Amino acid sequence: MQISTRVYALFIVLFAGTQLQAQNLAYKADTTSVSVYPGRLYGTLFHPNNLEEAPVVLIIAGSGPTDRDGNSALLPGKNNSLLQLAEALAQQGIASLRYDKRGVAQSAKAIQREESLVFEQNSADARVWLQWLFEKGYRRIYVAGHSEGSLVALQVAQHFPLSGLISLAGAGRPIQEVLREQLSNLPANLKNTANEYLDSLSAGKRIAQPALPLLSLFRPSVQGYMISWMQLDPAKLIASLTIPSLILQGDKDLQVQVIDAERLAIASPKANLHVIPTMNHIFKAVVSDNPQENLSTYSDPSKPVMPALIQYLVAFIR
């Protein structure tokens, strides 16, 4: 496990911007789509001009209705985190492909009934895009998954010959363990009930009539998806990989903890782990410990992604 020190990470934060401005290449942006049942998925390919053999990164967005740019329909305003990430990579000679997931943004019509969804559908869709990139002539192909997308990337890497895998703020524990932590602040009776539900779903057993205050999370129509999701352990998946792996995590992340990144790195001793000071879940710099100030960046597209993030990505891919 190769872990950068915070002193070195801080050095990168201060000086990466100057180092990365050296290329600043122009790039072309193409909107494209692939066919899936029952519709089409839409994405955007950024490719640096005059670099026919550029490496390419498939960027996989996180959970919920998060679009290819990193923006969620559940939040007011935009943050454009994934768009900014793609732009920064293109300016350094690295192509990227981002896409809207099923039911999201331009891919809104490519949706199945919620009752029929399973987690593996996410990785199947990502493999369709990887095959598209291969058919376009790309041979140095990387996958970068953000948050829940990290688990999707880990699944994909089991079945597609990649040049490398990148986990961006990805959980290192099965989702039921993360949910227990996130629900720990509920009133005692609801927390106990939620934990019982998580135990049942982890064992593959459905909940017939979830309590009304917990219905949104445990509604019957989504339980099949949750059961399939809970069978996956990110640490076990990364441990099985032989390709180069990069794990990036911010220490101001309100959703995923540094211990998650460390668990991934322990499972994959050859992986590179970098904990970036002041970086939050969407790659933006946050100095304050005030959660509201942290969350305000989720709706502020004027704040750029941190230069340290780009520095580590470019160094890994090159």
C-alpha atoms as a PDB file:
ATOM      1  CA  MET A   1       0.000   0.000   0.000  1.00  0.00           C
ATOM      2  CA  GLN A   2       1.643   3.199  -1.171  1.00  0.00           C
ATOM      3  CA  ILE A   3       0.286   6.106   0.888  1.00  0.00           C
ATOM      4  CA  SER A   4       1.352   9.672   0.251  1.00  0.00           C
ATOM      5  CA  THR A   5       2.053  11.798   3.285  1.00  0.00           C
ATOM      6  CA  ARG A   6      -0.098  14.823   3.928  1.00  0.00           C
ATOM      7  CA  VAL A   7       2.940  17.040   3.629  1.00  0.00           C
ATOM      8  CA  TYR A   8       3.465  15.817   0.091  1.00  0.00           C
ATOM      9  CA  ALA A   9      -0.247  16.125  -0.666  1.00  0.00           C
ATOM     10  CA  LEU A  10      -0.209  19.715   0.554  1.00  0.00           C
ATOM     11  CA  PHE A  11       2.791  20.397  -1.682  1.00  0.00           C
ATOM     12  CA  ILE A  12       0.765  19.112  -4.618  1.00  0.00           C
ATOM     13  CA  VAL A  13      -2.160  21.351  -3.683  1.00  0.00           C
ATOM     14  CA  LEU A  14       0.082  24.399  -3.703  1.00  0.00           C
ATOM     15  CA  PHE A  15       2.074  23.694  -6.837  1.00  0.00           C
ATOM     16  CA  ALA A  16       0.057  21.334  -9.020  1.00  0.00           C
ATOM     17  CA  GLY A  17      -1.754  24.200 -10.742  1.00  0.00           C
ATOM     18  CA  THR A  18       1.515  25.617 -12.068  1.00  0.00           C
ATOM     19  CA  GLN A  19       2.735  22.189 -13.171  1.00  0.00           C
ATOM     20  CA  LEU A  20      -0.487  21.310 -14.957  1.00  0.00           C
ATOM     21  CA  GLN A  21      -0.678  24.511 -16.989  1.00  0.00           C
ATOM     22  CA  ALA A  22       2.244  23.387 -19.101  1.00  0.00           C
ATOM     23  CA  GLN A  23       0.118  21.618 -21.751  1.00  0.00           C
ATOM     24  CA  ASN A  24      -3.395  23.123 -21.708  1.00  0.00           C
ATOM     25  CA  LEU A  25      -4.319  21.388 -24.971  1.00  0.00           C
ATOM     26  CA  ALA A  26      -7.423  22.170 -26.994  1.00  0.00           C
ATOM     27  CA  TYR A  27      -9.960  19.354 -27.275  1.00  0.00           C
ATOM     28  CA  LYS A  28     -13.106  18.416 -29.128  1.00  0.00           C
ATOM     29  CA  ALA A  29     -16.372  17.413 -27.446  1.00  0.00           C
ATOM     30  CA  ASP A  30     -18.692  14.915 -29.123  1.00  0.00           C
ATOM     31  CA  THR A  31     -22.118  13.826 -27.885  1.00  0.00           C
ATOM     32  CA  THR A  32     -22.722  10.161 -28.555  1.00  0.00           C
ATOM     33  CA  SER A  33     -25.032   7.315 -27.556  1.00  0.00           C
ATOM     34  CA  VAL A  34     -25.248   3.533 -27.293  1.00  0.00           C
ATOM     35  CA  SER A  35     -28.233   1.232 -27.529  1.00  0.00           C
ATOM     36  CA  VAL A  36     -29.448  -0.637 -24.439  1.00  0.00           C
ATOM     37  CA  TYR A  37     -32.778  -2.171 -23.548  1.00  0.00           C
ATOM     38  CA  PRO A  38     -35.199  -0.361 -23.496  1.00  0.00           C
ATOM     39  CA  GLY A  39     -33.642   2.773 -25.038  1.00  0.00           C
ATOM     40  CA  ARG A  40     -30.343   4.594 -25.426  1.00  0.00           C
ATOM     41  CA  LEU A  41     -27.684   5.918 -23.077  1.00  0.00           C
ATOM     42  CA  TYR A  42     -26.133   9.290 -23.940  1.00  0.00           C
ATOM     43  CA  GLY A  43     -22.664  10.539 -23.152  1.00  0.00           C
ATOM     44  CA  THR A  44     -19.970  13.078 -24.002  1.00  0.00           C
ATOM     45  CA  LEU A  45     -16.506  12.219 -25.293  1.00  0.00           C
ATOM     46  CA  PHE A  46     -13.707  14.744 -24.752  1.00  0.00           C
ATOM     47  CA  HIS A  47     -10.705  14.056 -26.965  1.00  0.00           C
ATOM     48  CA  PRO A  48      -7.576  16.242 -27.131  1.00  0.00           C
ATOM     49  CA  ASN A  49      -6.858  17.604 -30.596  1.00  0.00           C
ATOM     50  CA  ASN A  50      -3.910  16.147 -32.530  1.00  0.00           C
ATOM     51  CA  LEU A  51      -3.535  13.197 -30.134  1.00  0.00           C
ATOM     52  CA  GLU A  52      -4.870  10.184 -31.987  1.00  0.00           C
ATOM     53  CA  GLU A  53      -3.546   7.667 -29.445  1.00  0.00           C
ATOM     54  CA  ALA A  54      -4.542   9.503 -26.289  1.00  0.00           C
ATOM     55  CA  PRO A  55      -5.436   7.374 -23.252  1.00  0.00           C
ATOM     56  CA  VAL A  56      -9.113   7.506 -22.335  1.00  0.00           C
ATOM     57  CA  VAL A  57     -10.946   7.395 -19.001  1.00  0.00           C
ATOM     58  CA  LEU A  58     -14.528   6.178 -18.650  1.00  0.00           C
ATOM     59  CA  ILE A  59     -15.949   8.306 -15.819  1.00  0.00           C
ATOM     60  CA  ILE A  60     -18.809   6.690 -13.878  1.00  0.00           C
ATOM     61  CA  ALA A  61     -21.039   8.955 -11.795  1.00  0.00           C
ATOM     62  CA  GLY A  62     -22.200   8.270  -8.242  1.00  0.00           C
ATOM     63  CA  SER A  63     -25.551   7.181  -6.844  1.00  0.00           C
ATOM     64  CA  GLY A  64     -28.998   8.614  -7.402  1.00  0.00           C
ATOM     65  CA  PRO A  65     -30.012  10.899 -10.274  1.00  0.00           C
ATOM     66  CA  THR A  66     -26.464  12.173 -10.845  1.00  0.00           C
ATOM     67  CA  ASP A  67     -25.806  13.102 -14.460  1.00  0.00           C
ATOM     68  CA  ARG A  68     -22.642  12.959 -16.560  1.00  0.00           C
ATOM     69  CA  ASP A  69     -21.523  16.384 -15.290  1.00  0.00           C
ATOM     70  CA  GLY A  70     -21.777  15.359 -11.623  1.00  0.00           C
ATOM     71  CA  ASN A  71     -25.027  17.229 -10.942  1.00  0.00           C
ATOM     72  CA  SER A  72     -28.028  15.768  -9.130  1.00  0.00           C
ATOM     73  CA  ALA A  73     -31.673  16.536  -9.748  1.00  0.00           C
ATOM     74  CA  LEU A  74     -32.165  16.321  -5.977  1.00  0.00           C
ATOM     75  CA  LEU A  75     -29.944  19.329  -5.294  1.00  0.00           C
ATOM     76  CA  PRO A  76     -30.504  23.017  -6.057  1.00  0.00           C
ATOM     77  CA  GLY A  77     -28.012  24.266  -8.608  1.00  0.00           C
ATOM     78  CA  LYS A  78     -25.025  22.557 -10.163  1.00  0.00           C
ATOM     79  CA  ASN A  79     -21.468  21.759  -9.119  1.00  0.00           C
ATOM     80  CA  ASN A  80     -20.163  20.426 -12.489  1.00  0.00           C
ATOM     81  CA  SER A  81     -17.547  18.309 -10.703  1.00  0.00           C
ATOM     82  CA  LEU A  82     -17.309  15.554 -13.333  1.00  0.00           C
ATOM     83  CA  LEU A  83     -17.439  18.065 -16.184  1.00  0.00           C
ATOM     84  CA  GLN A  84     -14.547  19.985 -14.630  1.00  0.00           C
ATOM     85  CA  LEU A  85     -12.636  16.751 -14.113  1.00  0.00           C
ATOM     86  CA  ALA A  86     -13.039  15.818 -17.773  1.00  0.00           C
ATOM     87  CA  GLU A  87     -12.018  19.286 -18.949  1.00  0.00           C
ATOM     88  CA  ALA A  88      -8.870  19.220 -16.825  1.00  0.00           C
ATOM     89  CA  LEU A  89      -7.892  15.790 -18.136  1.00  0.00           C
ATOM     90  CA  ALA A  90      -8.439  16.840 -21.750  1.00  0.00           C
ATOM     91  CA  GLN A  91      -6.168  19.837 -21.251  1.00  0.00           C
ATOM     92  CA  GLN A  92      -3.469  17.382 -20.178  1.00  0.00           C
ATOM     93  CA  GLY A  93      -3.820  15.138 -23.231  1.00  0.00           C
ATOM     94  CA  ILE A  94      -6.183  12.551 -21.692  1.00  0.00           C
ATOM     95  CA  ALA A  95      -9.512  11.742 -23.319  1.00  0.00           C
ATOM     96  CA  SER A  96     -12.608  10.918 -21.282  1.00  0.00           C
ATOM     97  CA  LEU A  97     -16.140   9.647 -21.720  1.00  0.00           C
ATOM     98  CA  ARG A  98     -18.941  10.557 -19.292  1.00  0.00           C
ATOM     99  CA  TYR A  99     -22.498   9.319 -19.606  1.00  0.00           C
ATOM    100  CA  ASP A 100     -25.959   9.750 -18.138  1.00  0.00           C
ATOM    101  CA  LYS A 101     -27.115   6.623 -16.345  1.00  0.00           C
ATOM    102  CA  ARG A 102     -30.452   4.958 -17.004  1.00  0.00           C
ATOM    103  CA  GLY A 103     -33.339   7.215 -16.092  1.00  0.00           C
ATOM    104  CA  VAL A 104     -31.116  10.274 -15.701  1.00  0.00           C
ATOM    105  CA  ALA A 105     -30.994  13.465 -17.816  1.00  0.00           C
ATOM    106  CA  GLN A 106     -30.663  12.642 -21.538  1.00  0.00           C
ATOM    107  CA  SER A 107     -30.867   8.891 -20.785  1.00  0.00           C
ATOM    108  CA  ALA A 108     -34.218   9.362 -19.007  1.00  0.00           C
ATOM    109  CA  LYS A 109     -36.108   7.048 -21.366  1.00  0.00           C
ATOM    110  CA  ALA A 110     -33.710   4.139 -20.894  1.00  0.00           C
ATOM    111  CA  ILE A 111     -35.426   3.073 -17.706  1.00  0.00           C
ATOM    112  CA  GLN A 112     -36.869  -0.231 -16.574  1.00  0.00           C
ATOM    113  CA  ARG A 113     -39.395  -0.841 -13.817  1.00  0.00           C
ATOM    114  CA  GLU A 114     -37.742  -0.262 -10.446  1.00  0.00           C
ATOM    115  CA  GLU A 115     -38.800  -3.744  -9.340  1.00  0.00           C
ATOM    116  CA  SER A 116     -36.639  -5.324 -12.056  1.00  0.00           C
ATOM    117  CA  LEU A 117     -33.426  -3.400 -11.333  1.00  0.00           C
ATOM    118  CA  VAL A 118     -30.314  -5.066  -9.920  1.00  0.00           C
ATOM    119  CA  PHE A 119     -26.953  -3.500  -9.168  1.00  0.00           C
ATOM    120  CA  GLU A 120     -25.179  -5.511 -11.860  1.00  0.00           C
ATOM    121  CA  GLN A 121     -27.103  -3.561 -14.512  1.00  0.00           C
ATOM    122  CA  ASN A 122     -24.820  -0.612 -13.768  1.00  0.00           C
ATOM    123  CA  SER A 123     -21.682  -2.561 -14.652  1.00  0.00           C
ATOM    124  CA  ALA A 124     -23.355  -4.078 -17.716  1.00  0.00           C
ATOM    125  CA  ASP A 125     -24.074  -0.569 -19.015  1.00  0.00           C
ATOM    126  CA  ALA A 126     -20.510   0.532 -18.311  1.00  0.00           C
ATOM    127  CA  ARG A 127     -19.199  -2.468 -20.283  1.00  0.00           C
ATOM    128  CA  VAL A 128     -21.302  -1.361 -23.271  1.00  0.00           C
ATOM    129  CA  TRP A 129     -19.490   1.987 -23.186  1.00  0.00           C
ATOM    130  CA  LEU A 130     -16.093   0.284 -22.809  1.00  0.00           C
ATOM    131  CA  GLN A 131     -16.802  -1.838 -25.858  1.00  0.00           C
ATOM    132  CA  TRP A 132     -17.784   1.333 -27.741  1.00  0.00           C
ATOM    133  CA  LEU A 133     -14.444   2.934 -26.821  1.00  0.00           C
ATOM    134  CA  PHE A 134     -12.570  -0.180 -27.940  1.00  0.00           C
ATOM    135  CA  GLU A 135     -14.387  -0.175 -31.274  1.00  0.00           C
ATOM    136  CA  LYS A 136     -13.451   3.495 -31.678  1.00  0.00           C
ATOM    137  CA  GLY A 137      -9.814   2.452 -31.547  1.00  0.00           C
ATOM    138  CA  TYR A 138      -8.883   3.283 -27.948  1.00  0.00           C
ATOM    139  CA  ARG A 139      -6.462   0.787 -26.431  1.00  0.00           C
ATOM    140  CA  ARG A 140      -5.270   2.516 -23.240  1.00  0.00           C
ATOM    141  CA  ILE A 141      -8.580   2.495 -21.390  1.00  0.00           C
ATOM    142  CA  TYR A 142      -9.040   3.415 -17.727  1.00  0.00           C
ATOM    143  CA  VAL A 143     -12.165   3.456 -15.576  1.00  0.00           C
ATOM    144  CA  ALA A 144     -12.722   6.098 -12.879  1.00  0.00           C
ATOM    145  CA  GLY A 145     -15.721   5.538 -10.637  1.00  0.00           C
ATOM    146  CA  HIS A 146     -16.977   8.204  -8.239  1.00  0.00           C
ATOM    147  CA  SER A 147     -18.705   7.191  -4.991  1.00  0.00           C
ATOM    148  CA  GLU A 148     -21.131   4.371  -5.911  1.00  0.00           C
ATOM    149  CA  GLY A 149     -19.512   4.477  -9.343  1.00  0.00           C
ATOM    150  CA  SER A 150     -16.327   3.164  -7.722  1.00  0.00           C
ATOM    151  CA  LEU A 151     -18.088  -0.120  -6.965  1.00  0.00           C
ATOM    152  CA  VAL A 152     -19.387  -0.228 -10.538  1.00  0.00           C
ATOM    153  CA  ALA A 153     -15.822   0.290 -11.786  1.00  0.00           C
ATOM    154  CA  LEU A 154     -14.582  -2.537  -9.557  1.00  0.00           C
ATOM    155  CA  GLN A 155     -17.195  -4.851 -11.039  1.00  0.00           C
ATOM    156  CA  VAL A 156     -16.339  -3.808 -14.582  1.00  0.00           C
ATOM    157  CA  ALA A 157     -12.641  -4.422 -13.987  1.00  0.00           C
ATOM    158  CA  GLN A 158     -13.377  -8.083 -13.314  1.00  0.00           C
ATOM    159  CA  HIS A 159     -14.512  -8.594 -16.913  1.00  0.00           C
ATOM    160  CA  PHE A 160     -12.828  -6.025 -19.199  1.00  0.00           C
ATOM    161  CA  PRO A 161      -9.095  -5.674 -19.987  1.00  0.00           C
ATOM    162  CA  LEU A 162      -8.344  -2.240 -18.550  1.00  0.00           C
ATOM    163  CA  SER A 163      -5.089  -0.319 -18.307  1.00  0.00           C
ATOM    164  CA  GLY A 164      -5.991   0.797 -14.797  1.00  0.00           C
ATOM    165  CA  LEU A 165      -8.723   1.423 -12.249  1.00  0.00           C
ATOM    166  CA  ILE A 166      -9.374   4.657 -10.337  1.00  0.00           C
ATOM    167  CA  SER A 167     -11.559   4.864  -7.231  1.00  0.00           C
ATOM    168  CA  LEU A 168     -12.742   8.396  -6.444  1.00  0.00           C
ATOM    169  CA  ALA A 169     -14.287   8.675  -2.978  1.00  0.00           C
ATOM    170  CA  GLY A 170     -15.419   5.066  -3.173  1.00  0.00           C
ATOM    171  CA  ALA A 171     -16.716   3.061  -0.228  1.00  0.00           C
ATOM    172  CA  GLY A 172     -14.402   0.349   1.055  1.00  0.00           C
ATOM    173  CA  ARG A 173     -17.118  -1.550   2.903  1.00  0.00           C
ATOM    174  CA  PRO A 174     -20.316  -3.336   1.825  1.00  0.00           C
ATOM    175  CA  ILE A 175     -23.136  -0.838   1.475  1.00  0.00           C
ATOM    176  CA  GLN A 176     -25.065  -2.176   4.485  1.00  0.00           C
ATOM    177  CA  GLU A 177     -22.159  -1.197   6.756  1.00  0.00           C
ATOM    178  CA  VAL A 178     -22.090   2.297   5.266  1.00  0.00           C
ATOM    179  CA  LEU A 179     -25.858   2.639   5.671  1.00  0.00           C
ATOM    180  CA  ARG A 180     -25.677   1.596   9.325  1.00  0.00           C
ATOM    181  CA  GLU A 181     -23.220   4.412   9.883  1.00  0.00           C
ATOM    182  CA  GLN A 182     -25.304   6.944   7.979  1.00  0.00           C
ATOM    183  CA  LEU A 183     -28.477   5.959   9.871  1.00  0.00           C
ATOM    184  CA  SER A 184     -26.843   5.964  13.296  1.00  0.00           C
ATOM    185  CA  ASN A 185     -28.279   9.387  14.157  1.00  0.00           C
ATOM    186  CA  LEU A 186     -31.892   8.254  13.845  1.00  0.00           C
ATOM    187  CA  PRO A 187     -34.019   8.012  16.995  1.00  0.00           C
ATOM    188  CA  ALA A 188     -33.248   4.748  18.803  1.00  0.00           C
ATOM    189  CA  ASN A 189     -36.445   2.919  17.789  1.00  0.00           C
ATOM    190  CA  LEU A 190     -36.061   3.804  14.106  1.00  0.00           C
ATOM    191  CA  LYS A 191     -32.346   3.008  14.122  1.00  0.00           C
ATOM    192  CA  ASN A 192     -33.027  -0.444  15.561  1.00  0.00           C
ATOM    193  CA  THR A 193     -35.732  -1.085  12.990  1.00  0.00           C
ATOM    194  CA  ALA A 194     -33.463   0.091  10.162  1.00  0.00           C
ATOM    195  CA  ASN A 195     -30.698  -2.238  11.345  1.00  0.00           C
ATOM    196  CA  GLU A 196     -33.168  -5.150  11.401  1.00  0.00           C
ATOM    197  CA  TYR A 197     -34.143  -4.302   7.817  1.00  0.00           C
ATOM    198  CA  LEU A 198     -30.494  -4.199   6.775  1.00  0.00           C
ATOM    199  CA  ASP A 199     -29.924  -7.600   8.390  1.00  0.00           C
ATOM    200  CA  SER A 200     -32.870  -9.038   6.483  1.00  0.00           C
ATOM    201  CA  LEU A 201     -31.840  -7.636   3.112  1.00  0.00           C
ATOM    202  CA  SER A 202     -28.213  -8.712   3.644  1.00  0.00           C
ATOM    203  CA  ALA A 203     -29.537 -12.251   4.088  1.00  0.00           C
ATOM    204  CA  GLY A 204     -31.587 -11.929   0.886  1.00  0.00           C
ATOM    205  CA  LYS A 205     -34.911 -11.647   2.715  1.00  0.00           C
ATOM    206  CA  ARG A 206     -37.405  -8.985   1.664  1.00  0.00           C
ATOM    207  CA  ILE A 207     -39.403  -6.732   3.996  1.00  0.00           C
ATOM    208  CA  ALA A 208     -43.123  -6.966   3.328  1.00  0.00           C
ATOM    209  CA  GLN A 209     -44.301  -3.730   4.967  1.00  0.00           C
ATOM    210  CA  PRO A 210     -41.508  -1.314   5.912  1.00  0.00           C
ATOM    211  CA  ALA A 211     -42.321   1.257   8.582  1.00  0.00           C
ATOM    212  CA  LEU A 212     -43.600   4.479   7.045  1.00  0.00           C
ATOM    213  CA  PRO A 213     -40.686   6.692   8.257  1.00  0.00           C
ATOM    214  CA  LEU A 214     -38.259   4.282   6.539  1.00  0.00           C
ATOM    215  CA  LEU A 215     -40.351   3.575   3.456  1.00  0.00           C
ATOM    216  CA  SER A 216     -38.355   5.805   1.112  1.00  0.00           C
ATOM    217  CA  LEU A 217     -35.153   3.844   1.699  1.00  0.00           C
ATOM    218  CA  PHE A 218     -36.666   0.375   2.110  1.00  0.00           C
ATOM    219  CA  ARG A 219     -39.673   0.500  -0.237  1.00  0.00           C
ATOM    220  CA  PRO A 220     -40.495  -2.953  -1.667  1.00  0.00           C
ATOM    221  CA  SER A 221     -39.771  -1.916  -5.261  1.00  0.00           C
ATOM    222  CA  VAL A 222     -36.106  -1.147  -4.514  1.00  0.00           C
ATOM    223  CA  GLN A 223     -35.373  -4.099  -2.242  1.00  0.00           C
ATOM    224  CA  GLY A 224     -34.206  -6.365  -5.081  1.00  0.00           C
ATOM    225  CA  TYR A 225     -31.641  -3.758  -6.075  1.00  0.00           C
ATOM    226  CA  MET A 226     -30.474  -3.388  -2.478  1.00  0.00           C
ATOM    227  CA  ILE A 227     -30.161  -7.155  -1.982  1.00  0.00           C
ATOM    228  CA  SER A 228     -27.949  -7.445  -5.080  1.00  0.00           C
ATOM    229  CA  TRP A 229     -25.900  -4.427  -3.951  1.00  0.00           C
ATOM    230  CA  MET A 230     -25.322  -5.858  -0.477  1.00  0.00           C
ATOM    231  CA  GLN A 231     -23.681  -8.983  -1.859  1.00  0.00           C
ATOM    232  CA  LEU A 232     -20.723  -6.915  -3.096  1.00  0.00           C
ATOM    233  CA  ASP A 233     -17.648  -6.179  -0.988  1.00  0.00           C
ATOM    234  CA  PRO A 234     -15.435  -3.486  -2.592  1.00  0.00           C
ATOM    235  CA  ALA A 235     -12.342  -4.709  -0.733  1.00  0.00           C
ATOM    236  CA  LYS A 236     -12.734  -8.249  -2.055  1.00  0.00           C
ATOM    237  CA  LEU A 237     -13.252  -6.963  -5.593  1.00  0.00           C
ATOM    238  CA  ILE A 238     -10.151  -4.754  -5.610  1.00  0.00           C
ATOM    239  CA  ALA A 239      -8.112  -7.546  -4.015  1.00  0.00           C
ATOM    240  CA  SER A 240      -8.787  -9.730  -7.053  1.00  0.00           C
ATOM    241  CA  LEU A 241      -7.391  -7.212  -9.556  1.00  0.00           C
ATOM    242  CA  THR A 242      -3.924  -7.380 -11.090  1.00  0.00           C
ATOM    243  CA  ILE A 243      -4.111  -4.080 -13.007  1.00  0.00           C
ATOM    244  CA  PRO A 244      -2.696  -0.807 -11.599  1.00  0.00           C
ATOM    245  CA  SER A 245      -5.111   0.867  -9.180  1.00  0.00           C
ATOM    246  CA  LEU A 246      -5.373   4.407  -7.817  1.00  0.00           C
ATOM    247  CA  ILE A 247      -7.436   5.311  -4.749  1.00  0.00           C
ATOM    248  CA  LEU A 248      -8.188   9.005  -4.130  1.00  0.00           C
ATOM    249  CA  GLN A 249     -10.047  10.280  -1.077  1.00  0.00           C
ATOM    250  CA  GLY A 250     -10.611  13.681   0.493  1.00  0.00           C
ATOM    251  CA  ASP A 251     -10.421  14.250   4.230  1.00  0.00           C
ATOM    252  CA  LYS A 252     -13.411  16.656   4.150  1.00  0.00           C
ATOM    253  CA  ASP A 253     -15.776  14.080   2.638  1.00  0.00           C
ATOM    254  CA  LEU A 254     -19.134  13.996   4.456  1.00  0.00           C
ATOM    255  CA  GLN A 255     -20.302  10.804   2.737  1.00  0.00           C
ATOM    256  CA  VAL A 256     -17.306   8.473   2.486  1.00  0.00           C
ATOM    257  CA  GLN A 257     -14.656   8.183   5.151  1.00  0.00           C
ATOM    258  CA  VAL A 258     -10.863   7.976   4.877  1.00  0.00           C
ATOM    259  CA  ILE A 259     -11.109   4.526   6.492  1.00  0.00           C
ATOM    260  CA  ASP A 260     -12.972   3.352   3.381  1.00  0.00           C
ATOM    261  CA  ALA A 261     -10.057   4.330   1.161  1.00  0.00           C
ATOM    262  CA  GLU A 262      -7.636   2.724   3.599  1.00  0.00           C
ATOM    263  CA  ARG A 263      -9.628  -0.514   3.577  1.00  0.00           C
ATOM    264  CA  LEU A 264      -9.403  -0.643  -0.204  1.00  0.00           C
ATOM    265  CA  ALA A 265      -5.655  -0.011  -0.066  1.00  0.00           C
ATOM    266  CA  ILE A 266      -5.085  -2.704   2.563  1.00  0.00           C
ATOM    267  CA  ALA A 267      -6.918  -5.179   0.344  1.00  0.00           C
ATOM    268  CA  SER A 268      -4.770  -4.174  -2.640  1.00  0.00           C
ATOM    269  CA  PRO A 269      -1.209  -3.589  -1.371  1.00  0.00           C
ATOM    270  CA  LYS A 270       0.079  -2.471  -4.779  1.00  0.00           C
ATOM    271  CA  ALA A 271      -2.577   0.220  -5.139  1.00  0.00           C
ATOM    272  CA  ASN A 272      -1.634   3.878  -4.789  1.00  0.00           C
ATOM    273  CA  LEU A 273      -3.622   5.652  -2.064  1.00  0.00           C
ATOM    274  CA  HIS A 274      -3.652   9.433  -1.735  1.00  0.00           C
ATOM    275  CA  VAL A 275      -5.674  11.271   0.907  1.00  0.00           C
ATOM    276  CA  ILE A 276      -6.090  14.847  -0.279  1.00  0.00           C
ATOM    277  CA  PRO A 277      -6.350  17.494   2.466  1.00  0.00           C
ATOM    278  CA  THR A 278      -9.414  19.795   2.356  1.00  0.00           C
ATOM    279  CA  MET A 279     -11.068  17.870  -0.526  1.00  0.00           C
ATOM    280  CA  ASN A 280     -14.740  16.989  -0.086  1.00  0.00           C
ATOM    281  CA  HIS A 281     -16.915  14.357  -1.763  1.00  0.00           C
ATOM    282  CA  ILE A 282     -17.253  16.260  -5.034  1.00  0.00           C
ATOM    283  CA  PHE A 283     -13.538  17.157  -5.254  1.00  0.00           C
ATOM    284  CA  LYS A 284     -13.946  20.759  -4.086  1.00  0.00           C
ATOM    285  CA  ALA A 285     -11.751  22.472  -1.483  1.00  0.00           C
ATOM    286  CA  VAL A 286     -13.403  23.015   1.912  1.00  0.00           C
ATOM    287  CA  VAL A 287     -11.420  24.503   4.791  1.00  0.00           C
ATOM    288  CA  SER A 288     -14.232  24.775   7.329  1.00  0.00           C
ATOM    289  CA  ASP A 289     -15.589  21.884   9.416  1.00  0.00           C
ATOM    290  CA  ASN A 290     -19.076  23.370   9.103  1.00  0.00           C
ATOM    291  CA  PRO A 291     -21.234  20.809   7.224  1.00  0.00           C
ATOM    292  CA  GLN A 292     -23.373  23.552   5.683  1.00  0.00           C
ATOM    293  CA  GLU A 293     -20.349  25.235   4.138  1.00  0.00           C
ATOM    294  CA  ASN A 294     -19.251  21.859   2.790  1.00  0.00           C
ATOM    295  CA  LEU A 295     -22.677  21.173   1.298  1.00  0.00           C
ATOM    296  CA  SER A 296     -22.842  24.631  -0.268  1.00  0.00           C
ATOM    297  CA  THR A 297     -20.171  23.534  -2.774  1.00  0.00           C
ATOM    298  CA  TYR A 298     -22.630  20.963  -4.164  1.00  0.00           C
ATOM    299  CA  SER A 299     -24.516  23.854  -5.769  1.00  0.00           C
ATOM    300  CA  ASP A 300     -21.599  26.093  -6.707  1.00  0.00           C
ATOM    301  CA  PRO A 301     -20.164  25.520 -10.212  1.00  0.00           C
ATOM    302  CA  SER A 302     -17.736  28.419  -9.747  1.00  0.00           C
ATOM    303  CA  LYS A 303     -15.573  26.329  -7.404  1.00  0.00           C
ATOM    304  CA  PRO A 304     -13.114  24.198  -9.430  1.00  0.00           C
ATOM    305  CA  VAL A 305     -12.100  20.639  -8.635  1.00  0.00           C
ATOM    306  CA  MET A 306      -8.859  20.548  -6.683  1.00  0.00           C
ATOM    307  CA  PRO A 307      -5.595  20.635  -8.670  1.00  0.00           C
ATOM    308  CA  ALA A 308      -4.177  17.850  -6.469  1.00  0.00           C
ATOM    309  CA  LEU A 309      -6.839  15.482  -7.779  1.00  0.00           C
ATOM    310  CA  ILE A 310      -5.860  16.179 -11.381  1.00  0.00           C
ATOM    311  CA  GLN A 311      -2.170  15.909 -10.556  1.00  0.00           C
ATOM    312  CA  TYR A 312      -2.552  12.402  -9.136  1.00  0.00           C
ATOM    313  CA  LEU A 313      -4.780  11.283 -12.006  1.00  0.00           C
ATOM    314  CA  VAL A 314      -2.434  12.566 -14.704  1.00  0.00           C
ATOM    315  CA  ALA A 315       0.624  11.032 -13.028  1.00  0.00           C
ATOM    316  CA  PHE A 316      -1.127   7.660 -12.703  1.00  0.00           C
ATOM    317  CA  ILE A 317      -2.351   7.557 -16.301  1.00  0.00           C
ATOM    318  CA  ARG A 318       0.946   8.743 -17.783  1.00  0.00           C
END
